[in-house]
Protein backbone atom coordinates (compact mmCIF):
# COMPACT_ATOMS: atom_id res chain seq x y z
CA MET A 1 -19.57 6.64 -12.04
CA THR A 2 -18.06 4.56 -14.83
CA THR A 3 -17.81 0.88 -13.94
CA ALA A 4 -15.40 -1.62 -15.40
CA HIS A 5 -18.00 -3.40 -17.54
CA GLN A 6 -19.09 -0.12 -19.11
CA VAL A 7 -15.74 0.65 -20.74
CA ALA A 8 -14.70 -1.24 -23.87
CA ASP A 9 -11.14 -0.94 -25.10
CA ARG A 10 -10.46 -1.89 -28.70
CA THR A 11 -7.81 -4.37 -27.55
CA SER A 12 -10.51 -6.65 -26.12
CA ARG A 13 -11.78 -7.89 -29.49
CA PRO A 14 -11.31 -11.64 -30.11
CA ASP A 15 -9.00 -13.11 -32.70
CA VAL A 16 -10.44 -14.99 -35.66
CA PRO A 17 -8.64 -18.33 -36.04
CA GLY A 18 -7.82 -19.44 -39.52
CA CYS A 19 -8.29 -16.00 -41.04
CA GLY A 20 -4.84 -15.80 -42.57
CA THR A 21 -1.55 -17.37 -43.36
CA ALA A 22 0.06 -16.42 -40.03
CA PRO A 23 -1.30 -18.23 -36.95
CA ALA A 24 -2.43 -16.32 -33.89
CA GLY A 25 0.45 -15.51 -31.60
CA THR A 26 2.99 -15.14 -34.40
CA VAL A 27 5.21 -12.29 -33.26
CA GLY A 28 5.79 -9.76 -36.00
CA ALA A 29 3.28 -11.16 -38.51
CA ALA A 30 0.88 -8.20 -38.42
CA THR A 31 3.54 -5.51 -38.19
CA ALA A 32 5.34 -7.14 -41.12
CA LEU A 33 2.28 -6.42 -43.27
CA LEU A 34 2.21 -2.86 -41.96
CA ASP A 35 5.89 -2.47 -42.83
CA ALA A 36 5.30 -3.84 -46.33
CA TYR A 37 2.71 -1.23 -47.32
CA GLU A 38 3.62 0.55 -50.59
CA PRO A 39 1.41 3.41 -51.81
CA GLY A 40 -0.19 2.72 -55.17
CA ARG A 41 0.90 -0.93 -55.19
CA THR A 42 -0.80 -2.36 -52.09
CA ARG A 43 -3.96 -1.93 -50.04
CA PHE A 44 -3.74 -2.15 -46.25
CA PHE A 45 -6.60 -2.83 -43.83
CA ALA A 46 -6.31 -3.72 -40.14
CA SER A 47 -9.16 -4.46 -37.74
CA PRO A 48 -9.63 -5.94 -34.26
CA THR A 49 -9.99 -9.36 -35.93
CA ARG A 50 -7.27 -9.44 -38.63
CA THR A 51 -4.70 -7.59 -40.72
CA LEU A 52 -4.55 -7.79 -44.50
CA LEU A 53 -2.24 -6.50 -47.20
CA ALA A 54 -3.48 -6.78 -50.77
CA HIS A 55 -1.05 -6.70 -53.68
CA GLY A 56 -1.78 -5.53 -57.21
CA THR A 57 -5.11 -5.45 -59.04
CA ARG A 58 -6.60 -8.46 -60.80
CA ALA A 59 -9.98 -6.85 -61.49
CA GLU A 60 -11.78 -3.62 -60.65
CA VAL A 61 -15.43 -3.51 -59.67
CA PRO A 62 -17.12 -1.53 -62.46
CA HIS A 63 -19.17 1.59 -61.87
CA GLY A 64 -22.82 1.26 -62.79
CA THR A 65 -26.43 1.76 -61.80
CA ALA A 66 -26.81 -1.66 -60.15
CA PRO A 67 -26.37 -1.72 -56.35
CA VAL A 68 -22.72 -1.87 -55.34
CA ALA A 69 -23.22 -5.16 -53.45
CA GLN A 70 -24.57 -6.74 -56.65
CA ARG A 71 -21.64 -5.45 -58.73
CA VAL A 72 -19.16 -6.75 -56.15
CA ALA A 73 -20.84 -10.17 -56.06
CA GLU A 74 -20.78 -10.40 -59.85
CA THR A 75 -17.10 -9.44 -59.93
CA LEU A 76 -16.21 -12.08 -57.34
CA ARG A 77 -18.21 -14.76 -59.18
CA ALA A 78 -16.39 -13.88 -62.38
CA ARG A 79 -13.05 -14.34 -60.63
CA LEU A 80 -14.18 -17.74 -59.31
CA ARG A 81 -15.11 -18.81 -62.83
CA ALA A 82 -11.69 -17.59 -64.00
CA GLY A 83 -10.01 -19.95 -61.55
CA ASP A 84 -9.27 -17.74 -58.51
CA ALA A 85 -9.47 -19.96 -55.45
CA ALA A 86 -10.54 -17.36 -52.89
CA PRO A 87 -11.12 -13.91 -54.42
CA VAL A 88 -11.53 -10.95 -52.10
CA VAL A 89 -12.64 -7.42 -52.88
CA VAL A 90 -10.94 -4.57 -50.99
CA GLY A 91 -11.59 -0.86 -51.12
CA ALA A 92 -13.83 2.09 -50.36
CA ILE A 93 -17.35 3.29 -51.18
CA PRO A 94 -18.15 7.03 -51.07
CA PHE A 95 -20.77 8.76 -48.93
CA ASP A 96 -22.88 9.14 -52.06
CA SER A 97 -23.27 5.49 -53.00
CA ALA A 98 -24.21 6.53 -56.55
CA ALA A 99 -20.73 8.00 -57.05
CA PRO A 100 -17.85 5.81 -58.31
CA ALA A 101 -16.33 3.49 -55.70
CA ALA A 102 -12.70 2.38 -55.42
CA LEU A 103 -13.08 -1.39 -55.15
CA ALA A 104 -10.78 -4.03 -56.59
CA VAL A 105 -9.98 -7.73 -56.47
CA PRO A 106 -6.22 -7.86 -55.78
CA GLU A 107 -3.79 -10.29 -57.33
CA ALA A 108 -2.82 -11.64 -53.91
CA VAL A 109 -3.76 -11.09 -50.28
CA ARG A 110 -1.61 -11.72 -47.23
CA TRP A 111 -3.38 -12.17 -43.89
CA ALA A 112 -2.21 -11.97 -40.29
CA PRO A 113 -3.76 -11.77 -36.82
CA PRO A 114 -4.78 -8.34 -35.44
CA LEU A 115 -2.17 -5.64 -34.99
CA ALA A 116 -3.18 -5.35 -31.33
CA GLN A 117 -2.04 -8.96 -30.74
CA ASP A 118 1.41 -8.35 -32.21
CA PRO A 119 3.83 -7.31 -29.42
CA LEU A 120 5.95 -5.41 -31.93
CA VAL A 121 3.17 -2.89 -32.50
CA ALA A 122 4.09 -1.40 -29.11
CA LEU A 123 7.36 -0.17 -30.59
CA PRO A 124 6.97 3.54 -31.33
CA ALA A 125 6.73 4.80 -34.88
CA ALA A 126 9.32 7.29 -36.04
CA ALA A 127 8.39 10.86 -35.16
CA PRO A 128 7.30 13.10 -38.04
CA GLY A 129 10.20 14.85 -39.73
CA ALA A 130 10.62 18.59 -39.71
CA ALA A 131 8.26 20.08 -42.27
CA ARG A 132 6.34 23.27 -42.89
CA TRP A 133 2.60 22.98 -43.25
CA GLU A 134 0.06 25.42 -44.59
CA VAL A 135 -3.37 24.77 -43.11
CA ARG A 136 -6.58 26.10 -44.63
CA PRO A 137 -9.90 25.29 -42.96
CA VAL A 138 -12.91 24.76 -45.25
CA PRO A 139 -15.15 26.25 -44.03
CA ALA A 140 -13.52 28.56 -41.50
CA PRO A 141 -14.48 27.77 -37.88
CA ALA A 142 -16.83 30.77 -37.79
CA GLY A 143 -18.56 29.55 -40.94
CA TYR A 144 -18.92 26.07 -39.52
CA GLY A 145 -20.38 27.48 -36.30
CA ALA A 146 -22.88 29.48 -38.33
CA ALA A 147 -23.93 26.32 -40.19
CA VAL A 148 -24.46 24.50 -36.88
CA ALA A 149 -26.52 27.41 -35.57
CA GLU A 150 -28.68 27.37 -38.71
CA ALA A 151 -29.24 23.62 -38.42
CA VAL A 152 -30.20 24.00 -34.74
CA ARG A 153 -32.63 26.78 -35.64
CA ARG A 154 -34.38 24.54 -38.16
CA MET A 155 -34.50 21.58 -35.78
CA ARG A 156 -36.07 23.71 -33.04
CA ARG A 157 -38.63 24.75 -35.65
CA GLY A 158 -39.40 21.06 -36.15
CA ASP A 159 -37.97 20.55 -39.66
CA PHE A 160 -35.92 17.44 -38.78
CA GLY A 161 -34.31 15.65 -35.83
CA LYS A 162 -30.57 15.47 -36.47
CA VAL A 163 -27.90 16.29 -39.02
CA VAL A 164 -24.19 15.50 -39.09
CA LEU A 165 -22.22 18.51 -40.29
CA ALA A 166 -18.58 18.20 -41.29
CA ARG A 167 -15.69 20.49 -41.98
CA THR A 168 -12.27 19.95 -43.55
CA LEU A 169 -8.68 21.05 -43.18
CA GLU A 170 -6.59 21.33 -46.33
CA LEU A 171 -2.93 20.77 -45.45
CA THR A 172 -0.09 21.49 -47.85
CA CYS A 173 3.44 20.32 -47.00
CA ASP A 174 6.72 21.77 -48.26
CA ARG A 175 7.86 18.25 -49.29
CA ASP A 176 6.35 15.02 -50.62
CA LEU A 177 4.29 13.09 -48.10
CA ASP A 178 5.73 9.92 -46.57
CA LEU A 179 2.54 7.86 -46.57
CA PRO A 180 4.05 4.62 -45.15
CA ALA A 181 5.40 6.58 -42.16
CA LEU A 182 2.04 8.31 -41.71
CA LEU A 183 0.26 4.95 -41.76
CA GLN A 184 2.72 3.59 -39.19
CA ARG A 185 1.91 6.41 -36.79
CA LEU A 186 -1.84 6.00 -37.25
CA ALA A 187 -1.71 2.23 -36.74
CA ARG A 188 0.60 2.27 -33.73
CA ARG A 189 -1.39 5.05 -32.06
CA ASP A 190 -4.62 2.99 -32.08
CA PRO A 191 -3.57 -0.58 -32.99
CA ALA A 192 -6.89 -2.10 -31.96
CA GLY A 193 -8.97 0.15 -34.19
CA TYR A 194 -9.56 0.06 -37.94
CA THR A 195 -6.59 1.38 -39.92
CA PHE A 196 -6.56 1.59 -43.72
CA ALA A 197 -4.63 2.94 -46.69
CA LEU A 198 -5.69 2.32 -50.27
CA PRO A 199 -5.90 3.97 -53.69
CA ALA A 200 -8.84 6.35 -54.11
CA GLY A 201 -8.47 7.18 -57.80
CA HIS A 202 -6.85 10.08 -59.65
CA GLY A 203 -3.54 9.53 -57.87
CA ARG A 204 -5.06 9.95 -54.42
CA THR A 205 -4.68 7.71 -51.38
CA LEU A 206 -7.39 7.31 -48.76
CA LEU A 207 -5.98 6.58 -45.33
CA GLY A 208 -7.29 6.76 -41.83
CA ALA A 209 -7.89 5.19 -38.43
CA SER A 210 -11.62 4.75 -37.88
CA PRO A 211 -13.08 3.66 -34.54
CA GLU A 212 -16.43 2.54 -35.99
CA LEU A 213 -17.46 -0.81 -37.46
CA LEU A 214 -20.49 -0.42 -39.71
CA VAL A 215 -21.09 -4.17 -39.98
CA SER A 216 -19.21 -7.44 -40.25
CA ARG A 217 -20.39 -10.91 -41.14
CA ARG A 218 -18.60 -14.16 -40.39
CA GLY A 219 -20.61 -17.21 -41.24
CA GLY A 220 -23.92 -17.03 -39.40
CA THR A 221 -23.05 -14.04 -37.20
CA LEU A 222 -23.28 -10.35 -37.94
CA VAL A 223 -21.95 -7.55 -35.76
CA ALA A 224 -22.63 -3.81 -36.00
CA ASN A 225 -21.09 -1.25 -33.66
CA PRO A 226 -22.69 2.19 -34.02
CA LEU A 227 -20.92 5.06 -32.29
CA ALA A 228 -22.64 8.39 -31.60
CA GLY A 229 -22.01 10.84 -28.79
CA SER A 230 -18.40 11.82 -28.19
CA THR A 231 -16.11 13.83 -25.96
CA PRO A 232 -12.36 14.54 -26.24
CA ARG A 233 -9.88 12.61 -24.10
CA SER A 234 -7.73 14.40 -21.52
CA SER A 235 -4.07 13.78 -20.74
CA ASP A 236 -4.95 14.16 -17.05
CA LEU A 237 -6.21 10.80 -15.76
CA ALA A 238 -8.74 12.22 -13.29
CA GLU A 239 -10.17 14.60 -15.88
CA ASP A 240 -10.26 11.83 -18.50
CA VAL A 241 -12.31 9.61 -16.16
CA ARG A 242 -14.60 12.54 -15.33
CA ARG A 243 -15.26 13.18 -19.01
CA ALA A 244 -16.01 9.50 -19.63
CA ALA A 245 -18.47 9.36 -16.74
CA ALA A 246 -20.13 12.59 -17.87
CA LEU A 247 -20.58 11.23 -21.39
CA LEU A 248 -22.42 8.19 -20.02
CA GLN A 249 -24.85 10.55 -18.26
CA SER A 250 -25.19 13.20 -20.97
CA GLU A 251 -28.85 13.56 -21.95
CA LYS A 252 -27.91 15.16 -25.27
CA ASP A 253 -25.39 12.45 -26.21
CA LEU A 254 -27.56 9.56 -25.02
CA HIS A 255 -30.41 10.87 -27.17
CA GLU A 256 -28.12 11.23 -30.18
CA HIS A 257 -26.85 7.69 -29.63
CA ALA A 258 -30.35 6.22 -29.22
CA VAL A 259 -31.43 7.70 -32.57
CA VAL A 260 -28.55 5.92 -34.30
CA VAL A 261 -29.09 2.59 -32.53
CA ASP A 262 -32.81 2.63 -33.36
CA ALA A 263 -31.96 3.22 -37.02
CA VAL A 264 -29.48 0.33 -37.02
CA ARG A 265 -32.07 -1.97 -35.42
CA GLU A 266 -34.70 -0.94 -37.96
CA ALA A 267 -32.34 -1.45 -40.93
CA LEU A 268 -31.02 -4.86 -39.83
CA ALA A 269 -34.24 -6.41 -38.51
CA PRO A 270 -35.62 -7.42 -41.93
CA TYR A 271 -32.41 -9.37 -42.63
CA CYS A 272 -32.20 -11.19 -39.29
CA ARG A 273 -33.59 -14.30 -37.70
CA SER A 274 -32.46 -12.91 -34.36
CA LEU A 275 -31.06 -9.54 -33.30
CA HIS A 276 -29.65 -8.51 -29.92
CA VAL A 277 -29.50 -4.81 -29.08
CA PRO A 278 -28.24 -3.88 -25.58
CA GLU A 279 -30.46 -1.47 -23.67
CA ARG A 280 -27.70 0.98 -22.76
CA PRO A 281 -24.49 2.03 -24.47
CA THR A 282 -21.00 1.40 -23.18
CA LEU A 283 -17.87 3.46 -23.77
CA VAL A 284 -15.18 2.99 -26.39
CA ARG A 285 -11.93 4.91 -26.20
CA THR A 286 -9.45 5.86 -28.86
CA ALA A 287 -6.29 7.86 -28.31
CA ALA A 288 -8.18 11.11 -28.92
CA MET A 289 -11.86 10.53 -28.07
CA TRP A 290 -14.42 8.80 -25.88
CA HIS A 291 -17.46 7.48 -27.77
CA LEU A 292 -20.79 6.03 -26.72
CA SER A 293 -20.94 2.55 -28.25
CA THR A 294 -23.50 -0.19 -28.72
CA THR A 295 -22.50 -3.61 -30.08
CA VAL A 296 -25.40 -5.13 -32.01
CA THR A 297 -25.23 -8.84 -32.85
CA GLY A 298 -27.52 -10.98 -34.96
CA GLU A 299 -28.08 -14.06 -37.10
CA PRO A 300 -28.99 -13.45 -40.75
CA ALA A 301 -32.24 -15.08 -41.84
CA ASP A 302 -30.74 -15.74 -45.28
CA PRO A 303 -27.25 -17.28 -45.08
CA ALA A 304 -26.51 -15.88 -48.55
CA VAL A 305 -26.82 -12.23 -47.52
CA SER A 306 -23.36 -10.65 -47.66
CA ALA A 307 -21.66 -8.25 -45.28
CA LEU A 308 -21.74 -5.61 -48.02
CA GLU A 309 -25.50 -6.06 -48.54
CA LEU A 310 -25.98 -5.49 -44.82
CA ALA A 311 -23.64 -2.49 -44.87
CA SER A 312 -25.53 -1.01 -47.81
CA ALA A 313 -28.82 -1.42 -45.92
CA LEU A 314 -27.32 0.51 -43.00
CA HIS A 315 -25.57 3.27 -44.97
CA PRO A 316 -25.82 6.11 -44.24
CA THR A 317 -26.70 5.79 -40.57
CA PRO A 318 -27.81 8.84 -38.57
CA ALA A 319 -24.29 8.78 -37.08
CA VAL A 320 -22.88 10.16 -40.35
CA CYS A 321 -25.94 11.71 -41.99
CA GLY A 322 -28.89 12.49 -39.73
CA THR A 323 -32.59 11.84 -39.51
CA PRO A 324 -34.79 11.75 -41.48
CA SER A 325 -32.06 10.68 -43.88
CA ALA A 326 -33.40 12.39 -47.01
CA THR A 327 -33.89 15.71 -45.22
CA ALA A 328 -30.48 15.50 -43.55
CA ARG A 329 -28.82 14.80 -46.91
CA GLY A 330 -30.41 17.94 -48.29
CA VAL A 331 -29.20 20.01 -45.36
CA ILE A 332 -25.67 18.60 -45.74
CA GLY A 333 -25.66 19.52 -49.41
CA GLU A 334 -26.79 23.03 -48.56
CA LEU A 335 -24.58 23.80 -45.55
CA GLU A 336 -21.32 21.92 -46.31
CA PRO A 337 -19.23 23.83 -48.89
CA PHE A 338 -17.38 20.75 -50.19
CA ASP A 339 -17.94 17.25 -51.58
CA ARG A 340 -17.47 14.59 -48.89
CA GLY A 341 -16.07 12.07 -51.35
CA PHE A 342 -15.15 8.92 -49.42
CA PHE A 343 -15.53 10.59 -46.01
CA THR A 344 -18.46 8.99 -44.11
CA GLY A 345 -18.68 6.26 -46.73
CA MET A 346 -17.40 2.78 -45.96
CA VAL A 347 -14.11 0.98 -46.33
CA GLY A 348 -13.27 -2.70 -45.94
CA TRP A 349 -13.24 -6.11 -47.59
CA GLY A 350 -15.55 -8.93 -48.58
CA ASP A 351 -15.14 -12.45 -49.99
CA ALA A 352 -17.18 -14.63 -52.32
CA SER A 353 -18.93 -16.40 -49.41
CA GLY A 354 -20.32 -13.08 -48.16
CA ASP A 355 -18.05 -12.69 -45.16
CA GLY A 356 -16.42 -9.31 -44.69
CA GLU A 357 -15.88 -6.20 -42.60
CA TRP A 358 -17.08 -2.72 -43.56
CA VAL A 359 -16.06 0.28 -41.50
CA VAL A 360 -17.39 3.83 -41.41
CA THR A 361 -14.83 6.03 -43.16
CA ILE A 362 -14.08 8.62 -40.49
CA ARG A 363 -10.84 9.95 -38.93
CA CYS A 364 -9.54 9.90 -42.47
CA ALA A 365 -7.79 11.99 -45.08
CA GLU A 366 -7.22 11.99 -48.81
CA ALA A 367 -3.55 12.38 -49.72
CA ASN A 368 -2.02 13.50 -53.01
CA GLU A 369 1.73 14.15 -53.32
CA ARG A 370 2.13 17.12 -50.92
CA THR A 371 -1.46 17.67 -49.80
CA LEU A 372 -3.71 16.16 -47.17
CA ARG A 373 -7.42 16.86 -46.92
CA LEU A 374 -8.69 16.01 -43.44
CA TYR A 375 -12.36 15.51 -42.56
CA ALA A 376 -14.26 15.63 -39.28
CA GLY A 377 -17.95 15.80 -38.46
CA ALA A 378 -20.22 16.16 -35.46
CA GLY A 379 -23.80 15.15 -34.81
CA VAL A 380 -25.99 18.22 -34.46
CA VAL A 381 -29.26 17.98 -32.52
CA ALA A 382 -31.58 20.63 -31.13
CA GLN A 383 -29.52 20.84 -27.91
CA SER A 384 -26.24 21.41 -29.77
CA SER A 385 -24.14 24.57 -29.59
CA PRO A 386 -21.86 25.89 -32.35
CA GLU A 387 -18.98 26.16 -29.87
CA ALA A 388 -19.25 22.56 -28.67
CA GLU A 389 -19.52 21.06 -32.17
CA THR A 390 -16.61 23.15 -33.45
CA ALA A 391 -14.54 21.93 -30.50
CA GLU A 392 -15.56 18.31 -31.12
CA THR A 393 -14.52 18.40 -34.77
CA GLY A 394 -11.27 20.06 -33.73
CA ALA A 395 -10.57 17.20 -31.34
CA LYS A 396 -11.30 14.66 -34.07
CA PHE A 397 -8.76 16.34 -36.37
CA ARG A 398 -6.13 15.73 -33.69
CA THR A 399 -5.51 12.09 -34.69
CA PHE A 400 -4.31 13.06 -38.14
CA LEU A 401 -2.65 16.33 -37.23
CA GLN A 402 -0.43 14.56 -34.69
CA ALA A 403 0.37 11.73 -37.10
CA ALA A 404 1.41 14.26 -39.75
CA GLY A 405 3.33 16.47 -37.32
CA ALA A 406 1.09 19.40 -38.23
CA ASP A 407 -0.41 19.95 -34.78
CA GLN A 408 2.00 22.65 -33.67
């Protein structure tokens, strides 16, 4: 049975004093930044530790063959030399880290405490307006199920251990999208998660509400929070508790989670003087899903290593790719009939001292005028079934479909 210490709610994360211009406890500070979001002109990012709204673009991080963490560090150093007092980079990095990122140093950044600590976030967002949506799945559910079955067949043959397979929904609205209203609904639905909205190039906006921290660094402390193993929430309290308890005992999900945690430990260990990895996962809940969660903490051996360097060492984890990574990437390229783009990449911020937060880009969509492209993936192991993984991705779509009013 689930015990109290085994369930982690996103509202339990601590505040970070001194992280912004508004002191902790300031009513309305975080929601004011949410209200001030303007597509194309600002970048919004909210986490369990802070809320930020970035205005304008002072410099863009150039594309190139050098590692992205190196290009970001060079860009921030250049801004320091130019006289910026505290430059910050904000943006997103795609699943394929060799593809162009969407990273920029803004002209100004406003900071506030976490959304979850602002009482005004409890006020409901306006309901979606009446609109007609055309929904096209890519691939169709039957095609996705067939891809899962093929991956399972190869795993049972011994080709590899796990692959994360995704599918998309292409939504077209009969009117222009109201992105600020959509962001409001995402943020107020899960205010203690990671909510973001920022330019993604070519007139697109990347927005979402991710539950998963890839890694953060604040001074001498790093935190990673891998999630793997999921089950949909239920509106019935007794059934919801039953599902949570079953997830904690699920052999298939515990194995999937252990693979991810072992990979995180292996990737971070060379960078750390100390690293603490709990023996068993706990539970994290969002409005739509239960997830198995492990919070990994450590102390970097080199105080100069940045949050983005650590994130790059972790990316992609088996939670978004599979294992072995190179084989899983090949399977993804073969069985997914679309380019992931920023989905399962990372989104967040970093400063010139190396502090920052980088989040796994899931529960997200790319928006462009009247279209939304939603993404959802599921971890496929040898015990997986096409029906279960299709249902899991369907449940993960629910966050965005409800926010857009396209879930009817």
